[in-house]
Amino acid sequence: MDEIDDRILSILAINGRASFAAIGAEVGLSPHGTADRIRRLERDRVITGYAARIDPAGVGRSLDAFIDIRLLPATDPEDFERRVAKLTSVLELAFLTGRFDYQLRLACRDADELDQTVRTIRREAGAAATETRIVMRSARPG
């Protein structure tokens, strides 16, 4: 990894569909040299894949929220993870240090779906306590 690799990764993080020619022009390499570097980054598992970023509001899920969760002592963390991963509104699941065990990021259709998700987590997934925050506004750095 060098400065050119870092710049290539920054470009791909913003636009994973950028062409080798466009990336090469930005970093001072030929398209072939750029392709070689990107293939090496993929082979070395620095780049692990490409994905489309989908705006949840575009598919009717405009209520963005975070839920911090503390598990019941008897709750198996792996079982909890399997259960919440099946919930349609869950975008991300993070295991944490500190006061809470997990944090979920949700994209819900409305307040009713958020309420139902919280109730399901409490009743069926083994949460002892939850704290929910609704996102008022968010922005991507850069």
C-alpha atoms as a PDB file:
ATOM      1  CA  MET A   1       0.000   0.000   0.000  1.00  0.00           C
ATOM      2  CA  ASP A   2       1.266   3.417  -0.933  1.00  0.00           C
ATOM      3  CA  GLU A   3      -0.149   6.901  -1.508  1.00  0.00           C
ATOM      4  CA  ILE A   4      -1.425   5.991  -4.984  1.00  0.00           C
ATOM      5  CA  ASP A   5      -3.276   2.965  -3.588  1.00  0.00           C
ATOM      6  CA  ASP A   6      -4.819   5.206  -0.929  1.00  0.00           C
ATOM      7  CA  ARG A   7      -5.996   7.659  -3.591  1.00  0.00           C
ATOM      8  CA  ILE A   8      -7.429   4.824  -5.723  1.00  0.00           C
ATOM      9  CA  LEU A   9      -9.340   3.508  -2.700  1.00  0.00           C
ATOM     10  CA  SER A  10     -10.708   6.990  -1.960  1.00  0.00           C
ATOM     11  CA  ILE A  11     -11.962   7.333  -5.534  1.00  0.00           C
ATOM     12  CA  LEU A  12     -13.561   3.875  -5.497  1.00  0.00           C
ATOM     13  CA  ALA A  13     -15.201   4.560  -2.125  1.00  0.00           C
ATOM     14  CA  ILE A  14     -16.998   7.520  -3.710  1.00  0.00           C
ATOM     15  CA  ASN A  15     -17.657   5.893  -7.079  1.00  0.00           C
ATOM     16  CA  GLY A  16     -17.170   2.138  -7.275  1.00  0.00           C
ATOM     17  CA  ARG A  17     -18.053   2.272 -10.982  1.00  0.00           C
ATOM     18  CA  ALA A  18     -15.269   4.699 -11.952  1.00  0.00           C
ATOM     19  CA  SER A  19     -13.378   3.500 -15.027  1.00  0.00           C
ATOM     20  CA  PHE A  20      -9.708   2.555 -14.961  1.00  0.00           C
ATOM     21  CA  ALA A  21      -9.068   5.485 -17.322  1.00  0.00           C
ATOM     22  CA  ALA A  22     -10.827   8.003 -15.050  1.00  0.00           C
ATOM     23  CA  ILE A  23      -9.073   6.711 -11.932  1.00  0.00           C
ATOM     24  CA  GLY A  24      -5.728   6.640 -13.740  1.00  0.00           C
ATOM     25  CA  ALA A  25      -6.163  10.250 -14.834  1.00  0.00           C
ATOM     26  CA  GLU A  26      -6.766  11.246 -11.201  1.00  0.00           C
ATOM     27  CA  VAL A  27      -3.737   9.406  -9.819  1.00  0.00           C
ATOM     28  CA  GLY A  28      -1.287   9.770 -12.709  1.00  0.00           C
ATOM     29  CA  LEU A  29      -1.309   6.201 -14.023  1.00  0.00           C
ATOM     30  CA  SER A  30      -2.263   4.602 -17.323  1.00  0.00           C
ATOM     31  CA  PRO A  31      -5.552   2.705 -17.418  1.00  0.00           C
ATOM     32  CA  HIS A  32      -3.556  -0.556 -17.570  1.00  0.00           C
ATOM     33  CA  GLY A  33      -1.414   0.427 -14.557  1.00  0.00           C
ATOM     34  CA  THR A  34      -4.552   1.414 -12.663  1.00  0.00           C
ATOM     35  CA  ALA A  35      -6.237  -1.897 -13.500  1.00  0.00           C
ATOM     36  CA  ASP A  36      -3.172  -3.815 -12.295  1.00  0.00           C
ATOM     37  CA  ARG A  37      -3.228  -1.967  -8.956  1.00  0.00           C
ATOM     38  CA  ILE A  38      -6.961  -2.489  -8.469  1.00  0.00           C
ATOM     39  CA  ARG A  39      -6.678  -6.199  -9.277  1.00  0.00           C
ATOM     40  CA  ARG A  40      -3.831  -6.478  -6.725  1.00  0.00           C
ATOM     41  CA  LEU A  41      -5.948  -4.693  -4.093  1.00  0.00           C
ATOM     42  CA  GLU A  42      -8.777  -7.141  -4.840  1.00  0.00           C
ATOM     43  CA  ARG A  43      -6.455 -10.161  -4.743  1.00  0.00           C
ATOM     44  CA  ASP A  44      -4.982  -8.987  -1.420  1.00  0.00           C
ATOM     45  CA  ARG A  45      -8.554  -8.591  -0.056  1.00  0.00           C
ATOM     46  CA  VAL A  46      -8.107  -4.861   0.560  1.00  0.00           C
ATOM     47  CA  ILE A  47     -11.060  -4.394  -1.788  1.00  0.00           C
ATOM     48  CA  THR A  48     -13.581  -7.044  -0.801  1.00  0.00           C
ATOM     49  CA  GLY A  49     -16.412  -6.168  -3.155  1.00  0.00           C
ATOM     50  CA  TYR A  50     -18.536  -3.529  -4.805  1.00  0.00           C
ATOM     51  CA  ALA A  51     -22.109  -2.617  -3.988  1.00  0.00           C
ATOM     52  CA  ALA A  52     -24.818  -0.163  -4.905  1.00  0.00           C
ATOM     53  CA  ARG A  53     -25.727   2.342  -2.203  1.00  0.00           C
ATOM     54  CA  ILE A  54     -29.483   2.514  -2.052  1.00  0.00           C
ATOM     55  CA  ASP A  55     -31.299   5.473  -0.559  1.00  0.00           C
ATOM     56  CA  PRO A  56     -33.786   3.907   1.894  1.00  0.00           C
ATOM     57  CA  ALA A  57     -36.181   6.820   1.306  1.00  0.00           C
ATOM     58  CA  GLY A  58     -36.251   5.881  -2.368  1.00  0.00           C
ATOM     59  CA  VAL A  59     -37.818   2.537  -1.454  1.00  0.00           C
ATOM     60  CA  GLY A  60     -40.253   3.970   1.085  1.00  0.00           C
ATOM     61  CA  ARG A  61     -38.059   3.666   4.199  1.00  0.00           C
ATOM     62  CA  SER A  62     -37.475   7.283   5.184  1.00  0.00           C
ATOM     63  CA  LEU A  63     -37.486   6.897   8.995  1.00  0.00           C
ATOM     64  CA  ASP A  64     -33.832   6.392   9.989  1.00  0.00           C
ATOM     65  CA  ALA A  65     -33.114   5.336  13.588  1.00  0.00           C
ATOM     66  CA  PHE A  66     -30.508   3.822  15.889  1.00  0.00           C
ATOM     67  CA  ILE A  67     -31.329   1.392  18.683  1.00  0.00           C
ATOM     68  CA  ASP A  68     -28.840   0.635  21.453  1.00  0.00           C
ATOM     69  CA  ILE A  69     -29.501  -2.754  23.025  1.00  0.00           C
ATOM     70  CA  ARG A  70     -28.444  -4.467  26.231  1.00  0.00           C
ATOM     71  CA  LEU A  71     -29.101  -8.197  26.210  1.00  0.00           C
ATOM     72  CA  LEU A  72     -30.665 -10.264  28.939  1.00  0.00           C
ATOM     73  CA  PRO A  73     -27.968 -12.328  30.718  1.00  0.00           C
ATOM     74  CA  ALA A  74     -29.454 -15.552  29.334  1.00  0.00           C
ATOM     75  CA  THR A  75     -29.548 -14.330  25.710  1.00  0.00           C
ATOM     76  CA  ASP A  76     -27.082 -16.006  23.382  1.00  0.00           C
ATOM     77  CA  PRO A  77     -25.428 -13.243  21.298  1.00  0.00           C
ATOM     78  CA  GLU A  78     -25.269 -15.373  18.154  1.00  0.00           C
ATOM     79  CA  ASP A  79     -28.968 -16.204  18.463  1.00  0.00           C
ATOM     80  CA  PHE A  80     -29.735 -12.512  18.957  1.00  0.00           C
ATOM     81  CA  GLU A  81     -27.739 -11.612  15.829  1.00  0.00           C
ATOM     82  CA  ARG A  82     -29.558 -14.241  13.744  1.00  0.00           C
ATOM     83  CA  ARG A  83     -32.962 -13.032  14.904  1.00  0.00           C
ATOM     84  CA  VAL A  84     -32.404  -9.316  14.281  1.00  0.00           C
ATOM     85  CA  ALA A  85     -30.702  -9.938  10.925  1.00  0.00           C
ATOM     86  CA  LYS A  86     -34.053 -11.290   9.698  1.00  0.00           C
ATOM     87  CA  LEU A  87     -35.880  -8.026  10.487  1.00  0.00           C
ATOM     88  CA  THR A  88     -36.580  -6.097   7.289  1.00  0.00           C
ATOM     89  CA  SER A  89     -35.822  -2.693   8.785  1.00  0.00           C
ATOM     90  CA  VAL A  90     -32.312  -3.571  10.064  1.00  0.00           C
ATOM     91  CA  LEU A  91     -29.523  -2.077   7.921  1.00  0.00           C
ATOM     92  CA  GLU A  92     -26.545  -2.612  10.222  1.00  0.00           C
ATOM     93  CA  LEU A  93     -25.707  -4.513  13.386  1.00  0.00           C
ATOM     94  CA  ALA A  94     -22.669  -3.633  15.503  1.00  0.00           C
ATOM     95  CA  PHE A  95     -21.396  -5.455  18.612  1.00  0.00           C
ATOM     96  CA  LEU A  96     -20.109  -2.812  21.058  1.00  0.00           C
ATOM     97  CA  THR A  97     -18.106  -2.191  24.161  1.00  0.00           C
ATOM     98  CA  GLY A  98     -19.571  -0.009  26.898  1.00  0.00           C
ATOM     99  CA  ARG A  99     -23.012   0.284  28.422  1.00  0.00           C
ATOM    100  CA  PHE A 100     -24.844  -1.433  25.548  1.00  0.00           C
ATOM    101  CA  ASP A 101     -24.080  -4.712  23.808  1.00  0.00           C
ATOM    102  CA  TYR A 102     -25.317  -3.842  20.312  1.00  0.00           C
ATOM    103  CA  GLN A 103     -26.323  -0.957  18.138  1.00  0.00           C
ATOM    104  CA  LEU A 104     -28.708  -1.355  15.225  1.00  0.00           C
ATOM    105  CA  ARG A 105     -29.272   1.084  12.408  1.00  0.00           C
ATOM    106  CA  LEU A 106     -32.771   0.893  11.004  1.00  0.00           C
ATOM    107  CA  ALA A 107     -34.623   2.220   7.980  1.00  0.00           C
ATOM    108  CA  CYS A 108     -38.358   2.047   8.666  1.00  0.00           C
ATOM    109  CA  ARG A 109     -41.413   2.972   6.625  1.00  0.00           C
ATOM    110  CA  ASP A 110     -42.955   4.878   9.523  1.00  0.00           C
ATOM    111  CA  ALA A 111     -43.208   5.188  13.301  1.00  0.00           C
ATOM    112  CA  ASP A 112     -45.468   2.137  13.494  1.00  0.00           C
ATOM    113  CA  GLU A 113     -42.823  -0.066  11.893  1.00  0.00           C
ATOM    114  CA  LEU A 114     -40.181   1.354  14.233  1.00  0.00           C
ATOM    115  CA  ASP A 115     -42.423   0.609  17.223  1.00  0.00           C
ATOM    116  CA  GLN A 116     -43.074  -2.936  15.982  1.00  0.00           C
ATOM    117  CA  THR A 117     -39.340  -3.513  15.447  1.00  0.00           C
ATOM    118  CA  VAL A 118     -38.500  -2.357  18.985  1.00  0.00           C
ATOM    119  CA  ARG A 119     -41.257  -4.558  20.420  1.00  0.00           C
ATOM    120  CA  THR A 120     -39.985  -7.568  18.466  1.00  0.00           C
ATOM    121  CA  ILE A 121     -36.430  -7.006  19.692  1.00  0.00           C
ATOM    122  CA  ARG A 122     -37.621  -6.830  23.281  1.00  0.00           C
ATOM    123  CA  ARG A 123     -40.055  -9.762  23.157  1.00  0.00           C
ATOM    124  CA  GLU A 124     -38.431 -12.204  20.752  1.00  0.00           C
ATOM    125  CA  ALA A 125     -34.722 -11.419  20.441  1.00  0.00           C
ATOM    126  CA  GLY A 126     -33.714 -11.269  24.125  1.00  0.00           C
ATOM    127  CA  ALA A 127     -33.165  -7.578  24.824  1.00  0.00           C
ATOM    128  CA  ALA A 128     -33.161  -6.447  28.447  1.00  0.00           C
ATOM    129  CA  ALA A 129     -33.138  -2.733  27.571  1.00  0.00           C
ATOM    130  CA  THR A 130     -33.249  -0.567  24.478  1.00  0.00           C
ATOM    131  CA  GLU A 131     -32.653   3.094  23.759  1.00  0.00           C
ATOM    132  CA  THR A 132     -33.942   4.436  20.441  1.00  0.00           C
ATOM    133  CA  ARG A 133     -32.835   7.590  18.659  1.00  0.00           C
ATOM    134  CA  ILE A 134     -34.391   8.917  15.453  1.00  0.00           C
ATOM    135  CA  VAL A 135     -32.005  10.506  12.943  1.00  0.00           C
ATOM    136  CA  MET A 136     -33.064  14.057  12.128  1.00  0.00           C
ATOM    137  CA  ARG A 137     -30.435  14.654   9.434  1.00  0.00           C
ATOM    138  CA  SER A 138     -27.345  12.858   8.161  1.00  0.00           C
ATOM    139  CA  ALA A 139     -24.532  13.656   5.728  1.00  0.00           C
ATOM    140  CA  ARG A 140     -21.683  11.754   4.132  1.00  0.00           C
ATOM    141  CA  PRO A 141     -18.210  13.060   4.918  1.00  0.00           C
ATOM    142  CA  GLY A 142     -16.204  14.299   1.964  1.00  0.00           C
END
